[in-house]
Amino acid sequence: METLKFKTNIKCGGCVATVTPHLNGLTELSKWEVDTNNPDKILTVETASVSDAGLIKETLKKAGFQAEEV
């Protein structure tokens, strides 16, 4: 498993609720969480491969959010 971290604009519980079905729909992810208390709103993802970073960014974009790998 690989752990990827992204700086996002997911700011609150409502935002997390919006992205939940999108991220839960990705079979490549085994676990994910967003630290909304962190000023950078860090999304931490456990995935099979680091090559999934583009897929995660695209999925968040479709949900209306931005992500930048850190």
PDB file of N, CA and C in Angstrom:
ATOM      1  N   MET A   1       0.823  -1.195   0.000  1.00  0.00           N
ATOM      2  CA  MET A   1       0.000   0.000   0.000  1.00  0.00           C
ATOM      3  C   MET A   1       0.865   1.255   0.000  1.00  0.00           C
ATOM      4  N   GLU A   2       0.399   2.248  -0.703  1.00  0.00           N
ATOM      5  CA  GLU A   2       1.064   3.544  -0.768  1.00  0.00           C
ATOM      6  C   GLU A   2       0.175   4.581  -0.087  1.00  0.00           C
ATOM      7  N   THR A   3       0.772   5.524   0.614  1.00  0.00           N
ATOM      8  CA  THR A   3       0.033   6.621   1.220  1.00  0.00           C
ATOM      9  C   THR A   3       0.334   7.894   0.447  1.00  0.00           C
ATOM     10  N   LEU A   4      -0.723   8.527  -0.045  1.00  0.00           N
ATOM     11  CA  LEU A   4      -0.592   9.780  -0.790  1.00  0.00           C
ATOM     12  C   LEU A   4      -1.259  10.887   0.006  1.00  0.00           C
ATOM     13  N   LYS A   5      -0.717  12.092  -0.075  1.00  0.00           N
ATOM     14  CA  LYS A   5      -1.296  13.249   0.611  1.00  0.00           C
ATOM     15  C   LYS A   5      -1.522  14.362  -0.400  1.00  0.00           C
ATOM     16  N   PHE A   6      -2.662  15.030  -0.248  1.00  0.00           N
ATOM     17  CA  PHE A   6      -3.041  16.106  -1.151  1.00  0.00           C
ATOM     18  C   PHE A   6      -3.511  17.308  -0.348  1.00  0.00           C
ATOM     19  N   LYS A   7      -3.091  18.490  -0.764  1.00  0.00           N
ATOM     20  CA  LYS A   7      -3.639  19.740  -0.238  1.00  0.00           C
ATOM     21  C   LYS A   7      -4.928  19.973  -1.029  1.00  0.00           C
ATOM     22  N   THR A   8      -6.031  20.215  -0.318  1.00  0.00           N
ATOM     23  CA  THR A   8      -7.330  20.339  -0.993  1.00  0.00           C
ATOM     24  C   THR A   8      -8.061  21.608  -0.566  1.00  0.00           C
ATOM     25  N   ASN A   9      -9.219  21.818  -1.174  1.00  0.00           N
ATOM     26  CA  ASN A   9     -10.120  22.887  -0.733  1.00  0.00           C
ATOM     27  C   ASN A   9     -11.391  22.282  -0.142  1.00  0.00           C
ATOM     28  N   ILE A  10     -11.262  21.114   0.474  1.00  0.00           N
ATOM     29  CA  ILE A  10     -12.358  20.454   1.185  1.00  0.00           C
ATOM     30  C   ILE A  10     -12.350  21.029   2.599  1.00  0.00           C
ATOM     31  N   LYS A  11     -13.306  21.911   2.885  1.00  0.00           N
ATOM     32  CA  LYS A  11     -13.212  22.728   4.093  1.00  0.00           C
ATOM     33  C   LYS A  11     -14.074  22.301   5.278  1.00  0.00           C
ATOM     34  N   CYS A  12     -15.117  21.498   5.044  1.00  0.00           N
ATOM     35  CA  CYS A  12     -16.055  21.233   6.140  1.00  0.00           C
ATOM     36  C   CYS A  12     -16.688  19.846   5.978  1.00  0.00           C
ATOM     37  N   GLY A  13     -17.517  19.509   6.941  1.00  0.00           N
ATOM     38  CA  GLY A  13     -18.211  18.228   6.897  1.00  0.00           C
ATOM     39  C   GLY A  13     -19.112  18.090   5.686  1.00  0.00           C
ATOM     40  N   GLY A  14     -19.719  19.185   5.254  1.00  0.00           N
ATOM     41  CA  GLY A  14     -20.559  19.150   4.062  1.00  0.00           C
ATOM     42  C   GLY A  14     -19.747  18.835   2.817  1.00  0.00           C
ATOM     43  N   CYS A  15     -18.542  19.394   2.749  1.00  0.00           N
ATOM     44  CA  CYS A  15     -17.639  19.106   1.624  1.00  0.00           C
ATOM     45  C   CYS A  15     -17.230  17.634   1.643  1.00  0.00           C
ATOM     46  N   VAL A  16     -16.927  17.128   2.840  1.00  0.00           N
ATOM     47  CA  VAL A  16     -16.546  15.719   2.968  1.00  0.00           C
ATOM     48  C   VAL A  16     -17.707  14.840   2.511  1.00  0.00           C
ATOM     49  N   ALA A  17     -18.924  15.206   2.897  1.00  0.00           N
ATOM     50  CA  ALA A  17     -20.095  14.437   2.479  1.00  0.00           C
ATOM     51  C   ALA A  17     -20.255  14.448   0.964  1.00  0.00           C
ATOM     52  N   THR A  18     -19.898  15.553   0.333  1.00  0.00           N
ATOM     53  CA  THR A  18     -19.992  15.655  -1.125  1.00  0.00           C
ATOM     54  C   THR A  18     -18.993  14.740  -1.821  1.00  0.00           C
ATOM     55  N   VAL A  19     -17.770  14.670  -1.319  1.00  0.00           N
ATOM     56  CA  VAL A  19     -16.750  13.846  -1.983  1.00  0.00           C
ATOM     57  C   VAL A  19     -16.819  12.372  -1.601  1.00  0.00           C
ATOM     58  N   THR A  20     -17.496  12.051  -0.510  1.00  0.00           N
ATOM     59  CA  THR A  20     -17.533  10.668  -0.025  1.00  0.00           C
ATOM     60  C   THR A  20     -17.980   9.666  -1.087  1.00  0.00           C
ATOM     61  N   PRO A  21     -19.108   9.861  -1.775  1.00  0.00           N
ATOM     62  CA  PRO A  21     -19.487   8.846  -2.774  1.00  0.00           C
ATOM     63  C   PRO A  21     -18.497   8.737  -3.928  1.00  0.00           C
ATOM     64  N   HIS A  22     -17.855   9.834  -4.265  1.00  0.00           N
ATOM     65  CA  HIS A  22     -16.871   9.820  -5.349  1.00  0.00           C
ATOM     66  C   HIS A  22     -15.631   9.011  -4.949  1.00  0.00           C
ATOM     67  N   LEU A  23     -15.090   9.286  -3.757  1.00  0.00           N
ATOM     68  CA  LEU A  23     -13.886   8.582  -3.311  1.00  0.00           C
ATOM     69  C   LEU A  23     -14.194   7.140  -2.935  1.00  0.00           C
ATOM     70  N   ASN A  24     -15.355   6.901  -2.328  1.00  0.00           N
ATOM     71  CA  ASN A  24     -15.718   5.531  -1.977  1.00  0.00           C
ATOM     72  C   ASN A  24     -15.951   4.680  -3.220  1.00  0.00           C
ATOM     73  N   GLY A  25     -16.254   5.316  -4.342  1.00  0.00           N
ATOM     74  CA  GLY A  25     -16.467   4.602  -5.591  1.00  0.00           C
ATOM     75  C   GLY A  25     -15.183   4.155  -6.277  1.00  0.00           C
ATOM     76  N   LEU A  26     -14.043   4.620  -5.800  1.00  0.00           N
ATOM     77  CA  LEU A  26     -12.757   4.229  -6.380  1.00  0.00           C
ATOM     78  C   LEU A  26     -12.274   2.934  -5.728  1.00  0.00           C
ATOM     79  N   THR A  27     -12.268   1.858  -6.489  1.00  0.00           N
ATOM     80  CA  THR A  27     -11.837   0.568  -5.943  1.00  0.00           C
ATOM     81  C   THR A  27     -10.345   0.557  -5.625  1.00  0.00           C
ATOM     82  N   GLU A  28      -9.591   1.495  -6.205  1.00  0.00           N
ATOM     83  CA  GLU A  28      -8.143   1.570  -5.962  1.00  0.00           C
ATOM     84  C   GLU A  28      -7.814   2.030  -4.546  1.00  0.00           C
ATOM     85  N   LEU A  29      -8.768   2.685  -3.879  1.00  0.00           N
ATOM     86  CA  LEU A  29      -8.523   3.222  -2.541  1.00  0.00           C
ATOM     87  C   LEU A  29      -8.953   2.232  -1.477  1.00  0.00           C
ATOM     88  N   SER A  30      -8.102   2.034  -0.482  1.00  0.00           N
ATOM     89  CA  SER A  30      -8.494   1.177   0.634  1.00  0.00           C
ATOM     90  C   SER A  30      -8.979   2.020   1.817  1.00  0.00           C
ATOM     91  N   LYS A  31      -8.498   3.271   1.889  1.00  0.00           N
ATOM     92  CA  LYS A  31      -8.870   4.150   3.008  1.00  0.00           C
ATOM     93  C   LYS A  31      -8.557   5.587   2.618  1.00  0.00           C
ATOM     94  N   TRP A  32      -9.349   6.519   3.105  1.00  0.00           N
ATOM     95  CA  TRP A  32      -9.057   7.933   2.889  1.00  0.00           C
ATOM     96  C   TRP A  32      -9.645   8.742   4.030  1.00  0.00           C
ATOM     97  N   GLU A  33      -9.056   9.927   4.273  1.00  0.00           N
ATOM     98  CA  GLU A  33      -9.587  10.850   5.277  1.00  0.00           C
ATOM     99  C   GLU A  33      -9.090  12.261   4.968  1.00  0.00           C
ATOM    100  N   VAL A  34      -9.890  13.234   5.384  1.00  0.00           N
ATOM    101  CA  VAL A  34      -9.531  14.635   5.197  1.00  0.00           C
ATOM    102  C   VAL A  34      -9.385  15.281   6.571  1.00  0.00           C
ATOM    103  N   ASP A  35      -8.265  15.940   6.789  1.00  0.00           N
ATOM    104  CA  ASP A  35      -8.038  16.675   8.034  1.00  0.00           C
ATOM    105  C   ASP A  35      -8.500  18.115   7.808  1.00  0.00           C
ATOM    106  N   THR A  36      -9.759  18.397   8.131  1.00  0.00           N
ATOM    107  CA  THR A  36     -10.303  19.740   7.921  1.00  0.00           C
ATOM    108  C   THR A  36      -9.803  20.724   8.972  1.00  0.00           C
ATOM    109  N   ASN A  37      -9.138  20.235  10.021  1.00  0.00           N
ATOM    110  CA  ASN A  37      -8.560  21.130  11.033  1.00  0.00           C
ATOM    111  C   ASN A  37      -7.208  21.679  10.594  1.00  0.00           C
ATOM    112  N   ASN A  38      -6.567  21.005   9.662  1.00  0.00           N
ATOM    113  CA  ASN A  38      -5.288  21.450   9.119  1.00  0.00           C
ATOM    114  C   ASN A  38      -5.549  22.616   8.161  1.00  0.00           C
ATOM    115  N   PRO A  39      -4.773  23.690   8.241  1.00  0.00           N
ATOM    116  CA  PRO A  39      -5.001  24.832   7.337  1.00  0.00           C
ATOM    117  C   PRO A  39      -4.929  24.464   5.854  1.00  0.00           C
ATOM    118  N   ASP A  40      -4.183  23.400   5.519  1.00  0.00           N
ATOM    119  CA  ASP A  40      -4.061  22.968   4.127  1.00  0.00           C
ATOM    120  C   ASP A  40      -5.112  21.936   3.729  1.00  0.00           C
ATOM    121  N   LYS A  41      -5.996  21.566   4.676  1.00  0.00           N
ATOM    122  CA  LYS A  41      -7.088  20.614   4.399  1.00  0.00           C
ATOM    123  C   LYS A  41      -6.543  19.364   3.715  1.00  0.00           C
ATOM    124  N   ILE A  42      -5.677  18.645   4.415  1.00  0.00           N
ATOM    125  CA  ILE A  42      -4.946  17.527   3.844  1.00  0.00           C
ATOM    126  C   ILE A  42      -5.819  16.275   3.715  1.00  0.00           C
ATOM    127  N   LEU A  43      -5.878  15.771   2.480  1.00  0.00           N
ATOM    128  CA  LEU A  43      -6.523  14.491   2.175  1.00  0.00           C
ATOM    129  C   LEU A  43      -5.426  13.434   2.172  1.00  0.00           C
ATOM    130  N   THR A  44      -5.588  12.408   3.005  1.00  0.00           N
ATOM    131  CA  THR A  44      -4.649  11.296   3.063  1.00  0.00           C
ATOM    132  C   THR A  44      -5.354  10.072   2.498  1.00  0.00           C
ATOM    133  N   VAL A  45      -4.691   9.423   1.553  1.00  0.00           N
ATOM    134  CA  VAL A  45      -5.288   8.298   0.836  1.00  0.00           C
ATOM    135  C   VAL A  45      -4.347   7.106   0.890  1.00  0.00           C
ATOM    136  N   GLU A  46      -4.890   5.929   1.173  1.00  0.00           N
ATOM    137  CA  GLU A  46      -4.126   4.694   1.050  1.00  0.00           C
ATOM    138  C   GLU A  46      -4.580   4.013  -0.227  1.00  0.00           C
ATOM    139  N   THR A  47      -3.641   3.752  -1.119  1.00  0.00           N
ATOM    140  CA  THR A  47      -3.949   3.207  -2.428  1.00  0.00           C
ATOM    141  C   THR A  47      -2.912   2.159  -2.819  1.00  0.00           C
ATOM    142  N   ALA A  48      -3.229   1.393  -3.835  1.00  0.00           N
ATOM    143  CA  ALA A  48      -2.334   0.327  -4.270  1.00  0.00           C
ATOM    144  C   ALA A  48      -1.086   0.865  -4.949  1.00  0.00           C
ATOM    145  N   SER A  49      -1.184   2.031  -5.589  1.00  0.00           N
ATOM    146  CA  SER A  49      -0.065   2.527  -6.385  1.00  0.00           C
ATOM    147  C   SER A  49      -0.011   4.049  -6.375  1.00  0.00           C
ATOM    148  N   VAL A  50       1.193   4.606  -6.397  1.00  0.00           N
ATOM    149  CA  VAL A  50       1.342   6.057  -6.470  1.00  0.00           C
ATOM    150  C   VAL A  50       0.831   6.589  -7.809  1.00  0.00           C
ATOM    151  N   SER A  51       0.713   5.723  -8.793  1.00  0.00           N
ATOM    152  CA  SER A  51       0.202   6.159 -10.097  1.00  0.00           C
ATOM    153  C   SER A  51      -1.281   6.508 -10.045  1.00  0.00           C
ATOM    154  N   ASP A  52      -1.946   6.233  -8.914  1.00  0.00           N
ATOM    155  CA  ASP A  52      -3.363   6.571  -8.757  1.00  0.00           C
ATOM    156  C   ASP A  52      -3.574   8.045  -8.424  1.00  0.00           C
ATOM    157  N   ALA A  53      -2.509   8.820  -8.229  1.00  0.00           N
ATOM    158  CA  ALA A  53      -2.630  10.231  -7.854  1.00  0.00           C
ATOM    159  C   ALA A  53      -3.454  11.012  -8.870  1.00  0.00           C
ATOM    160  N   GLY A  54      -3.213  10.799 -10.146  1.00  0.00           N
ATOM    161  CA  GLY A  54      -3.966  11.499 -11.183  1.00  0.00           C
ATOM    162  C   GLY A  54      -5.442  11.160 -11.135  1.00  0.00           C
ATOM    163  N   LEU A  55      -5.755   9.892 -10.891  1.00  0.00           N
ATOM    164  CA  LEU A  55      -7.142   9.452 -10.787  1.00  0.00           C
ATOM    165  C   LEU A  55      -7.844  10.135  -9.612  1.00  0.00           C
ATOM    166  N   ILE A  56      -7.155  10.254  -8.495  1.00  0.00           N
ATOM    167  CA  ILE A  56      -7.725  10.890  -7.309  1.00  0.00           C
ATOM    168  C   ILE A  56      -7.985  12.368  -7.580  1.00  0.00           C
ATOM    169  N   LYS A  57      -7.018  13.050  -8.191  1.00  0.00           N
ATOM    170  CA  LYS A  57      -7.195  14.479  -8.513  1.00  0.00           C
ATOM    171  C   LYS A  57      -8.361  14.671  -9.474  1.00  0.00           C
ATOM    172  N   GLU A  58      -8.477  13.820 -10.475  1.00  0.00           N
ATOM    173  CA  GLU A  58      -9.566  13.920 -11.447  1.00  0.00           C
ATOM    174  C   GLU A  58     -10.921  13.650 -10.793  1.00  0.00           C
ATOM    175  N   THR A  59     -10.966  12.697  -9.896  1.00  0.00           N
ATOM    176  CA  THR A  59     -12.206  12.377  -9.187  1.00  0.00           C
ATOM    177  C   THR A  59     -12.653  13.557  -8.333  1.00  0.00           C
ATOM    178  N   LEU A  60     -11.719  14.187  -7.628  1.00  0.00           N
ATOM    179  CA  LEU A  60     -12.062  15.356  -6.814  1.00  0.00           C
ATOM    180  C   LEU A  60     -12.513  16.516  -7.699  1.00  0.00           C
ATOM    181  N   LYS A  61     -11.890  16.671  -8.850  1.00  0.00           N
ATOM    182  CA  LYS A  61     -12.280  17.735  -9.773  1.00  0.00           C
ATOM    183  C   LYS A  61     -13.727  17.539 -10.236  1.00  0.00           C
ATOM    184  N   LYS A  62     -14.096  16.303 -10.540  1.00  0.00           N
ATOM    185  CA  LYS A  62     -15.476  15.996 -10.947  1.00  0.00           C
ATOM    186  C   LYS A  62     -16.467  16.312  -9.829  1.00  0.00           C
ATOM    187  N   ALA A  63     -16.011  16.189  -8.576  1.00  0.00           N
ATOM    188  CA  ALA A  63     -16.863  16.483  -7.422  1.00  0.00           C
ATOM    189  C   ALA A  63     -16.881  17.973  -7.094  1.00  0.00           C
ATOM    190  N   GLY A  64     -16.065  18.771  -7.818  1.00  0.00           N
ATOM    191  CA  GLY A  64     -16.049  20.216  -7.609  1.00  0.00           C
ATOM    192  C   GLY A  64     -14.955  20.715  -6.684  1.00  0.00           C
ATOM    193  N   PHE A  65     -13.933  19.891  -6.454  1.00  0.00           N
ATOM    194  CA  PHE A  65     -12.856  20.263  -5.545  1.00  0.00           C
ATOM    195  C   PHE A  65     -11.506  20.178  -6.251  1.00  0.00           C
ATOM    196  N   GLN A  66     -10.505  20.786  -5.624  1.00  0.00           N
ATOM    197  CA  GLN A  66      -9.144  20.773  -6.162  1.00  0.00           C
ATOM    198  C   GLN A  66      -8.238  20.001  -5.225  1.00  0.00           C
ATOM    199  N   ALA A  67      -7.208  19.388  -5.794  1.00  0.00           N
ATOM    200  CA  ALA A  67      -6.217  18.680  -4.993  1.00  0.00           C
ATOM    201  C   ALA A  67      -4.848  18.857  -5.622  1.00  0.00           C
ATOM    202  N   GLU A  68      -3.864  19.083  -4.764  1.00  0.00           N
ATOM    203  CA  GLU A  68      -2.483  19.221  -5.205  1.00  0.00           C
ATOM    204  C   GLU A  68      -1.647  18.291  -4.345  1.00  0.00           C
ATOM    205  N   GLU A  69      -0.931  17.385  -4.974  1.00  0.00           N
ATOM    206  CA  GLU A  69      -0.146  16.418  -4.231  1.00  0.00           C
ATOM    207  C   GLU A  69       0.959  17.109  -3.443  1.00  0.00           C
ATOM    208  N   VAL A  70       1.156  16.681  -2.200  1.00  0.00           N
ATOM    209  CA  VAL A  70       2.213  17.232  -1.350  1.00  0.00           C
ATOM    210  C   VAL A  70       3.203  16.162  -0.972  1.00  0.00           C
TER     211      VAL A  70
END
